[in-house]
C-alpha atoms as a PDB file:
ATOM      1  CA  MET A   1     -84.080   6.425 -50.698  1.00  0.00           C
ATOM      2  CA  GLU A   2     -82.147   5.731 -47.903  1.00  0.00           C
ATOM      3  CA  ARG A   3     -84.129   6.557 -44.217  1.00  0.00           C
ATOM      4  CA  TYR A   4     -82.225   7.871 -41.589  1.00  0.00           C
ATOM      5  CA  ASP A   5     -83.028   7.875 -37.902  1.00  0.00           C
ATOM      6  CA  SER A   6     -83.385  11.407 -36.450  1.00  0.00           C
ATOM      7  CA  GLU A   7     -84.069  12.504 -32.854  1.00  0.00           C
ATOM      8  CA  PHE A   8     -86.841  14.533 -34.117  1.00  0.00           C
ATOM      9  CA  HIS A   9     -89.800  12.173 -35.744  1.00  0.00           C
ATOM     10  CA  SER A  10     -92.647  12.696 -34.261  1.00  0.00           C
ATOM     11  CA  GLY A  11     -96.084  11.084 -34.263  1.00  0.00           C
ATOM     12  CA  PHE A  12     -97.434  13.594 -36.981  1.00  0.00           C
ATOM     13  CA  THR A  13     -94.382  12.872 -39.183  1.00  0.00           C
ATOM     14  CA  ARG A  14     -95.093   8.843 -38.801  1.00  0.00           C
ATOM     15  CA  TRP A  15     -99.047   9.356 -39.997  1.00  0.00           C
ATOM     16  CA  ILE A  16     -97.207  11.299 -42.982  1.00  0.00           C
ATOM     17  CA  GLU A  17     -95.531   8.388 -43.610  1.00  0.00           C
ATOM     18  CA  GLN A  18     -97.686   5.871 -43.296  1.00  0.00           C
ATOM     19  CA  ARG A  19    -100.115   7.130 -45.797  1.00  0.00           C
ATOM     20  CA  THR A  20     -97.246   8.392 -48.428  1.00  0.00           C
ATOM     21  CA  ALA A  21     -96.244   5.726 -51.004  1.00  0.00           C
ATOM     22  CA  PRO A  22     -92.829   4.593 -50.224  1.00  0.00           C
ATOM     23  CA  GLU A  23     -91.530   5.644 -53.542  1.00  0.00           C
ATOM     24  CA  ASP A  24     -92.993   9.076 -52.869  1.00  0.00           C
ATOM     25  CA  ARG A  25     -91.087   9.755 -49.316  1.00  0.00           C
ATOM     26  CA  ASP A  26     -88.779  12.222 -49.142  1.00  0.00           C
ATOM     27  CA  ASP A  27     -86.831  14.683 -46.765  1.00  0.00           C
ATOM     28  CA  SER A  28     -89.953  16.862 -46.788  1.00  0.00           C
ATOM     29  CA  ILE A  29     -91.920  14.469 -44.690  1.00  0.00           C
ATOM     30  CA  GLU A  30     -89.395  14.945 -41.768  1.00  0.00           C
ATOM     31  CA  VAL A  31     -89.412  18.482 -42.724  1.00  0.00           C
ATOM     32  CA  PHE A  32     -93.178  18.789 -42.081  1.00  0.00           C
ATOM     33  CA  GLY A  33     -93.198  17.227 -39.115  1.00  0.00           C
ATOM     34  CA  VAL A  34     -90.526  19.444 -37.751  1.00  0.00           C
ATOM     35  CA  LEU A  35     -92.244  22.435 -38.803  1.00  0.00           C
ATOM     36  CA  ALA A  36     -95.741  21.524 -37.268  1.00  0.00           C
ATOM     37  CA  ARG A  37     -94.135  20.853 -33.977  1.00  0.00           C
ATOM     38  CA  ALA A  38     -91.827  24.171 -33.892  1.00  0.00           C
ATOM     39  CA  TYR A  39     -94.496  26.516 -35.409  1.00  0.00           C
ATOM     40  CA  GLY A  40     -97.943  24.825 -35.831  1.00  0.00           C
ATOM     41  CA  LEU A  41     -99.460  23.610 -38.711  1.00  0.00           C
ATOM     42  CA  THR A  42    -100.455  26.619 -41.004  1.00  0.00           C
ATOM     43  CA  ALA A  43    -102.817  25.954 -43.530  1.00  0.00           C
ATOM     44  CA  ASP A  44    -100.600  25.745 -46.374  1.00  0.00           C
ATOM     45  CA  VAL A  45     -98.702  22.983 -44.723  1.00  0.00           C
ATOM     46  CA  ALA A  46    -102.260  21.681 -43.639  1.00  0.00           C
ATOM     47  CA  ASP A  47    -103.059  21.493 -47.813  1.00  0.00           C
ATOM     48  CA  VAL A  48     -99.438  20.326 -49.001  1.00  0.00           C
ATOM     49  CA  VAL A  49    -100.027  17.239 -46.018  1.00  0.00           C
ATOM     50  CA  ALA A  50    -103.144  16.436 -47.599  1.00  0.00           C
ATOM     51  CA  ALA A  51    -102.144  16.447 -51.218  1.00  0.00           C
ATOM     52  CA  MET A  52     -99.220  13.998 -50.320  1.00  0.00           C
ATOM     53  CA  THR A  53    -101.261  11.845 -48.191  1.00  0.00           C
ATOM     54  CA  GLY A  54    -104.474  11.403 -50.340  1.00  0.00           C
ATOM     55  CA  THR A  55    -106.647  12.829 -47.274  1.00  0.00           C
ATOM     56  CA  THR A  56    -108.290  15.510 -46.292  1.00  0.00           C
ATOM     57  CA  VAL A  57    -107.303  19.011 -44.528  1.00  0.00           C
ATOM     58  CA  GLY A  58    -109.560  17.989 -41.513  1.00  0.00           C
ATOM     59  CA  GLU A  59    -107.897  14.544 -41.418  1.00  0.00           C
ATOM     60  CA  VAL A  60    -104.173  16.339 -41.178  1.00  0.00           C
ATOM     61  CA  VAL A  61    -105.635  18.696 -38.188  1.00  0.00           C
ATOM     62  CA  ALA A  62    -106.815  15.788 -36.282  1.00  0.00           C
ATOM     63  CA  ALA A  63    -103.826  13.981 -36.652  1.00  0.00           C
ATOM     64  CA  TYR A  64    -101.993  16.718 -35.967  1.00  0.00           C
ATOM     65  CA  LYS A  65    -103.881  18.019 -32.925  1.00  0.00           C
ATOM     66  CA  ALA A  66    -103.617  14.225 -31.876  1.00  0.00           C
ATOM     67  CA  ASP A  67     -99.332  13.947 -31.804  1.00  0.00           C
ATOM     68  CA  ASN A  68     -99.469  17.132 -30.267  1.00  0.00           C
ATOM     69  CA  THR A  69    -101.700  16.077 -27.235  1.00  0.00           C
ATOM     70  CA  GLU A  70     -99.557  13.182 -26.852  1.00  0.00           C
ATOM     71  CA  TRP A  71     -96.657  15.276 -26.990  1.00  0.00           C
ATOM     72  CA  ALA A  72     -97.955  17.256 -24.363  1.00  0.00           C
ATOM     73  CA  ARG A  73     -98.831  14.212 -22.202  1.00  0.00           C
ATOM     74  CA  THR A  74     -95.119  13.129 -22.281  1.00  0.00           C
ATOM     75  CA  GLN A  75     -93.707  16.581 -21.644  1.00  0.00           C
ATOM     76  CA  ALA A  76     -95.903  16.727 -18.436  1.00  0.00           C
ATOM     77  CA  VAL A  77     -94.195  13.542 -17.117  1.00  0.00           C
ATOM     78  CA  PHE A  78     -90.552  14.557 -17.915  1.00  0.00           C
ATOM     79  CA  ASP A  79     -91.188  18.379 -16.724  1.00  0.00           C
ATOM     80  CA  ARG A  80     -91.467  16.603 -13.028  1.00  0.00           C
ATOM     81  CA  PRO A  81     -88.985  17.805 -10.835  1.00  0.00           C
ATOM     82  CA  ASP A  82     -87.880  14.415  -9.422  1.00  0.00           C
ATOM     83  CA  LEU A  83     -87.478  13.102 -13.227  1.00  0.00           C
ATOM     84  CA  VAL A  84     -85.637  16.303 -13.879  1.00  0.00           C
ATOM     85  CA  ALA A  85     -83.126  15.975 -11.254  1.00  0.00           C
ATOM     86  CA  LEU A  86     -82.534  12.134 -12.837  1.00  0.00           C
ATOM     87  CA  GLU A  87     -81.970  13.462 -15.774  1.00  0.00           C
ATOM     88  CA  ALA A  88     -79.452  15.932 -14.379  1.00  0.00           C
ATOM     89  CA  HIS A  89     -78.038  12.914 -12.108  1.00  0.00           C
ATOM     90  CA  LEU A  90     -77.514  10.764 -14.842  1.00  0.00           C
ATOM     91  CA  GLY A  91     -75.807  13.217 -17.307  1.00  0.00           C
ATOM     92  CA  THR A  92     -73.464  13.738 -14.638  1.00  0.00           C
ATOM     93  CA  ILE A  93     -72.545  10.266 -14.571  1.00  0.00           C
ATOM     94  CA  ALA A  94     -72.836   9.575 -18.248  1.00  0.00           C
ATOM     95  CA  ARG A  95     -69.754  12.467 -18.926  1.00  0.00           C
ATOM     96  CA  ARG A  96     -67.985  10.846 -16.478  1.00  0.00           C
ATOM     97  CA  HIS A  97     -67.458   7.618 -18.556  1.00  0.00           C
END
């Protein structure tokens, strides 16, 4: 399967990929990462991911929580008022060119 880069490729998605055989990888890996980030990790999804990756549900939950912790740290940096203003300024410059 051809791999494409998306804007959303979480650490949890990469964790799933690293534990899935290349021939078993498909778009569902990305879907599970998106769903987990947007709606939380449900028990059903954790079960499926554990089966896909040959891991335990506990390992899946730990990977999910670690990724969310890292994401929250990153978001906190980007939410700083000075960076928000800088991003807006750079966006204005980009639209002019």
